[in-house]
Amino acid sequence: MAYTPRENVRRSKKCLFCKAKIEEIDYKNVTMLSRHLNRWNQIESASRTGTCAKHQRQLTSAIKRARHLALLPFVTE
């Protein structure tokens, strides 16, 4: 019997917002928004986080709105 490594098998990620049945993403929830930023405060892609297209668009606009209101930083120091 041949050994097949299971390391290369990828599962598709499920959207966290669809799981939690969140309709609208709130820009005031900074802790949730900051989870979708990398260490340089760039917005993580949908393929990396597993977010669906609908919620990725809402997430992007919520992060930009929070940055404009100085709830989130634009860049790191």
C-alpha atoms as a PDB file:
ATOM      1  CA  MET A   1       0.000   0.000   0.000  1.00  0.00           C
ATOM      2  CA  ALA A   2       1.330   3.440  -0.946  1.00  0.00           C
ATOM      3  CA  TYR A   3       1.553   6.193   1.633  1.00  0.00           C
ATOM      4  CA  THR A   4      -0.326   9.357   0.701  1.00  0.00           C
ATOM      5  CA  PRO A   5       0.542  12.430   2.757  1.00  0.00           C
ATOM      6  CA  ARG A   6      -2.444  14.313   4.116  1.00  0.00           C
ATOM      7  CA  GLU A   7      -0.498  17.576   4.440  1.00  0.00           C
ATOM      8  CA  ASN A   8      -1.263  18.741   0.911  1.00  0.00           C
ATOM      9  CA  VAL A   9      -5.029  18.330   1.235  1.00  0.00           C
ATOM     10  CA  ARG A  10      -6.712  21.688   1.746  1.00  0.00           C
ATOM     11  CA  ARG A  11     -10.170  22.222   3.069  1.00  0.00           C
ATOM     12  CA  SER A  12     -12.245  25.137   1.930  1.00  0.00           C
ATOM     13  CA  LYS A  13     -12.710  27.669   4.695  1.00  0.00           C
ATOM     14  CA  LYS A  14     -16.194  28.676   5.685  1.00  0.00           C
ATOM     15  CA  CYS A  15     -17.251  32.280   6.097  1.00  0.00           C
ATOM     16  CA  LEU A  16     -17.318  33.190   9.790  1.00  0.00           C
ATOM     17  CA  PHE A  17     -20.015  35.776   9.221  1.00  0.00           C
ATOM     18  CA  CYS A  18     -22.290  33.294   7.438  1.00  0.00           C
ATOM     19  CA  LYS A  19     -21.771  30.784  10.262  1.00  0.00           C
ATOM     20  CA  ALA A  20     -22.716  33.364  12.882  1.00  0.00           C
ATOM     21  CA  LYS A  21     -25.594  34.611  10.680  1.00  0.00           C
ATOM     22  CA  ILE A  22     -24.318  38.201  10.732  1.00  0.00           C
ATOM     23  CA  GLU A  23     -26.161  40.287   8.137  1.00  0.00           C
ATOM     24  CA  GLU A  24     -24.349  43.623   8.567  1.00  0.00           C
ATOM     25  CA  ILE A  25     -20.746  44.119   9.693  1.00  0.00           C
ATOM     26  CA  ASP A  26     -20.488  46.946  12.222  1.00  0.00           C
ATOM     27  CA  TYR A  27     -17.566  49.350  11.805  1.00  0.00           C
ATOM     28  CA  LYS A  28     -17.550  50.061  15.561  1.00  0.00           C
ATOM     29  CA  ASN A  29     -16.598  46.483  16.451  1.00  0.00           C
ATOM     30  CA  VAL A  30     -12.855  47.119  16.312  1.00  0.00           C
ATOM     31  CA  THR A  31     -11.749  43.783  17.791  1.00  0.00           C
ATOM     32  CA  MET A  32     -13.557  41.836  15.094  1.00  0.00           C
ATOM     33  CA  LEU A  33     -12.253  44.103  12.331  1.00  0.00           C
ATOM     34  CA  SER A  34      -8.661  43.943  13.556  1.00  0.00           C
ATOM     35  CA  ARG A  35      -8.719  40.133  13.229  1.00  0.00           C
ATOM     36  CA  HIS A  36      -8.973  40.595   9.461  1.00  0.00           C
ATOM     37  CA  LEU A  37      -5.847  42.780   9.251  1.00  0.00           C
ATOM     38  CA  ASN A  38      -2.299  41.487   8.959  1.00  0.00           C
ATOM     39  CA  ARG A  39       0.620  42.802  10.982  1.00  0.00           C
ATOM     40  CA  TRP A  40       1.088  45.741   8.586  1.00  0.00           C
ATOM     41  CA  ASN A  41      -2.615  46.646   8.942  1.00  0.00           C
ATOM     42  CA  GLN A  42      -3.466  45.557   5.420  1.00  0.00           C
ATOM     43  CA  ILE A  43      -6.827  43.917   4.806  1.00  0.00           C
ATOM     44  CA  GLU A  44      -6.481  40.151   4.455  1.00  0.00           C
ATOM     45  CA  SER A  45      -7.813  38.612   1.259  1.00  0.00           C
ATOM     46  CA  ALA A  46     -10.969  36.537   1.152  1.00  0.00           C
ATOM     47  CA  SER A  47      -9.048  33.486   0.015  1.00  0.00           C
ATOM     48  CA  ARG A  48      -6.846  33.715   3.089  1.00  0.00           C
ATOM     49  CA  THR A  49      -9.615  34.295   5.642  1.00  0.00           C
ATOM     50  CA  GLY A  50     -12.342  32.235   3.995  1.00  0.00           C
ATOM     51  CA  THR A  51     -14.803  35.120   3.894  1.00  0.00           C
ATOM     52  CA  CYS A  52     -17.480  35.025   1.192  1.00  0.00           C
ATOM     53  CA  ALA A  53     -17.625  37.803  -1.414  1.00  0.00           C
ATOM     54  CA  LYS A  54     -20.659  39.534   0.115  1.00  0.00           C
ATOM     55  CA  HIS A  55     -19.117  39.768   3.565  1.00  0.00           C
ATOM     56  CA  GLN A  56     -15.653  40.633   2.198  1.00  0.00           C
ATOM     57  CA  ARG A  57     -17.120  43.738   0.542  1.00  0.00           C
ATOM     58  CA  GLN A  58     -18.881  44.717   3.774  1.00  0.00           C
ATOM     59  CA  LEU A  59     -15.732  44.025   5.770  1.00  0.00           C
ATOM     60  CA  THR A  60     -13.597  46.188   3.493  1.00  0.00           C
ATOM     61  CA  SER A  61     -15.959  49.155   3.704  1.00  0.00           C
ATOM     62  CA  ALA A  62     -16.283  48.745   7.493  1.00  0.00           C
ATOM     63  CA  ILE A  63     -12.487  48.742   7.923  1.00  0.00           C
ATOM     64  CA  LYS A  64     -12.138  51.817   5.715  1.00  0.00           C
ATOM     65  CA  ARG A  65     -14.905  53.586   7.655  1.00  0.00           C
ATOM     66  CA  ALA A  66     -13.250  52.715  10.991  1.00  0.00           C
ATOM     67  CA  ARG A  67      -9.919  54.020   9.697  1.00  0.00           C
ATOM     68  CA  HIS A  68     -11.524  57.277   8.612  1.00  0.00           C
ATOM     69  CA  LEU A  69     -12.991  57.737  12.110  1.00  0.00           C
ATOM     70  CA  ALA A  70      -9.582  56.892  13.688  1.00  0.00           C
ATOM     71  CA  LEU A  71     -10.833  53.691  15.321  1.00  0.00           C
ATOM     72  CA  LEU A  72      -8.205  51.697  13.389  1.00  0.00           C
ATOM     73  CA  PRO A  73      -4.758  52.878  12.283  1.00  0.00           C
ATOM     74  CA  PHE A  74      -3.895  53.279   8.604  1.00  0.00           C
ATOM     75  CA  VAL A  75      -0.299  52.060   9.004  1.00  0.00           C
ATOM     76  CA  THR A  76       1.900  50.587  11.742  1.00  0.00           C
ATOM     77  CA  GLU A  77       4.803  52.469  13.225  1.00  0.00           C
END
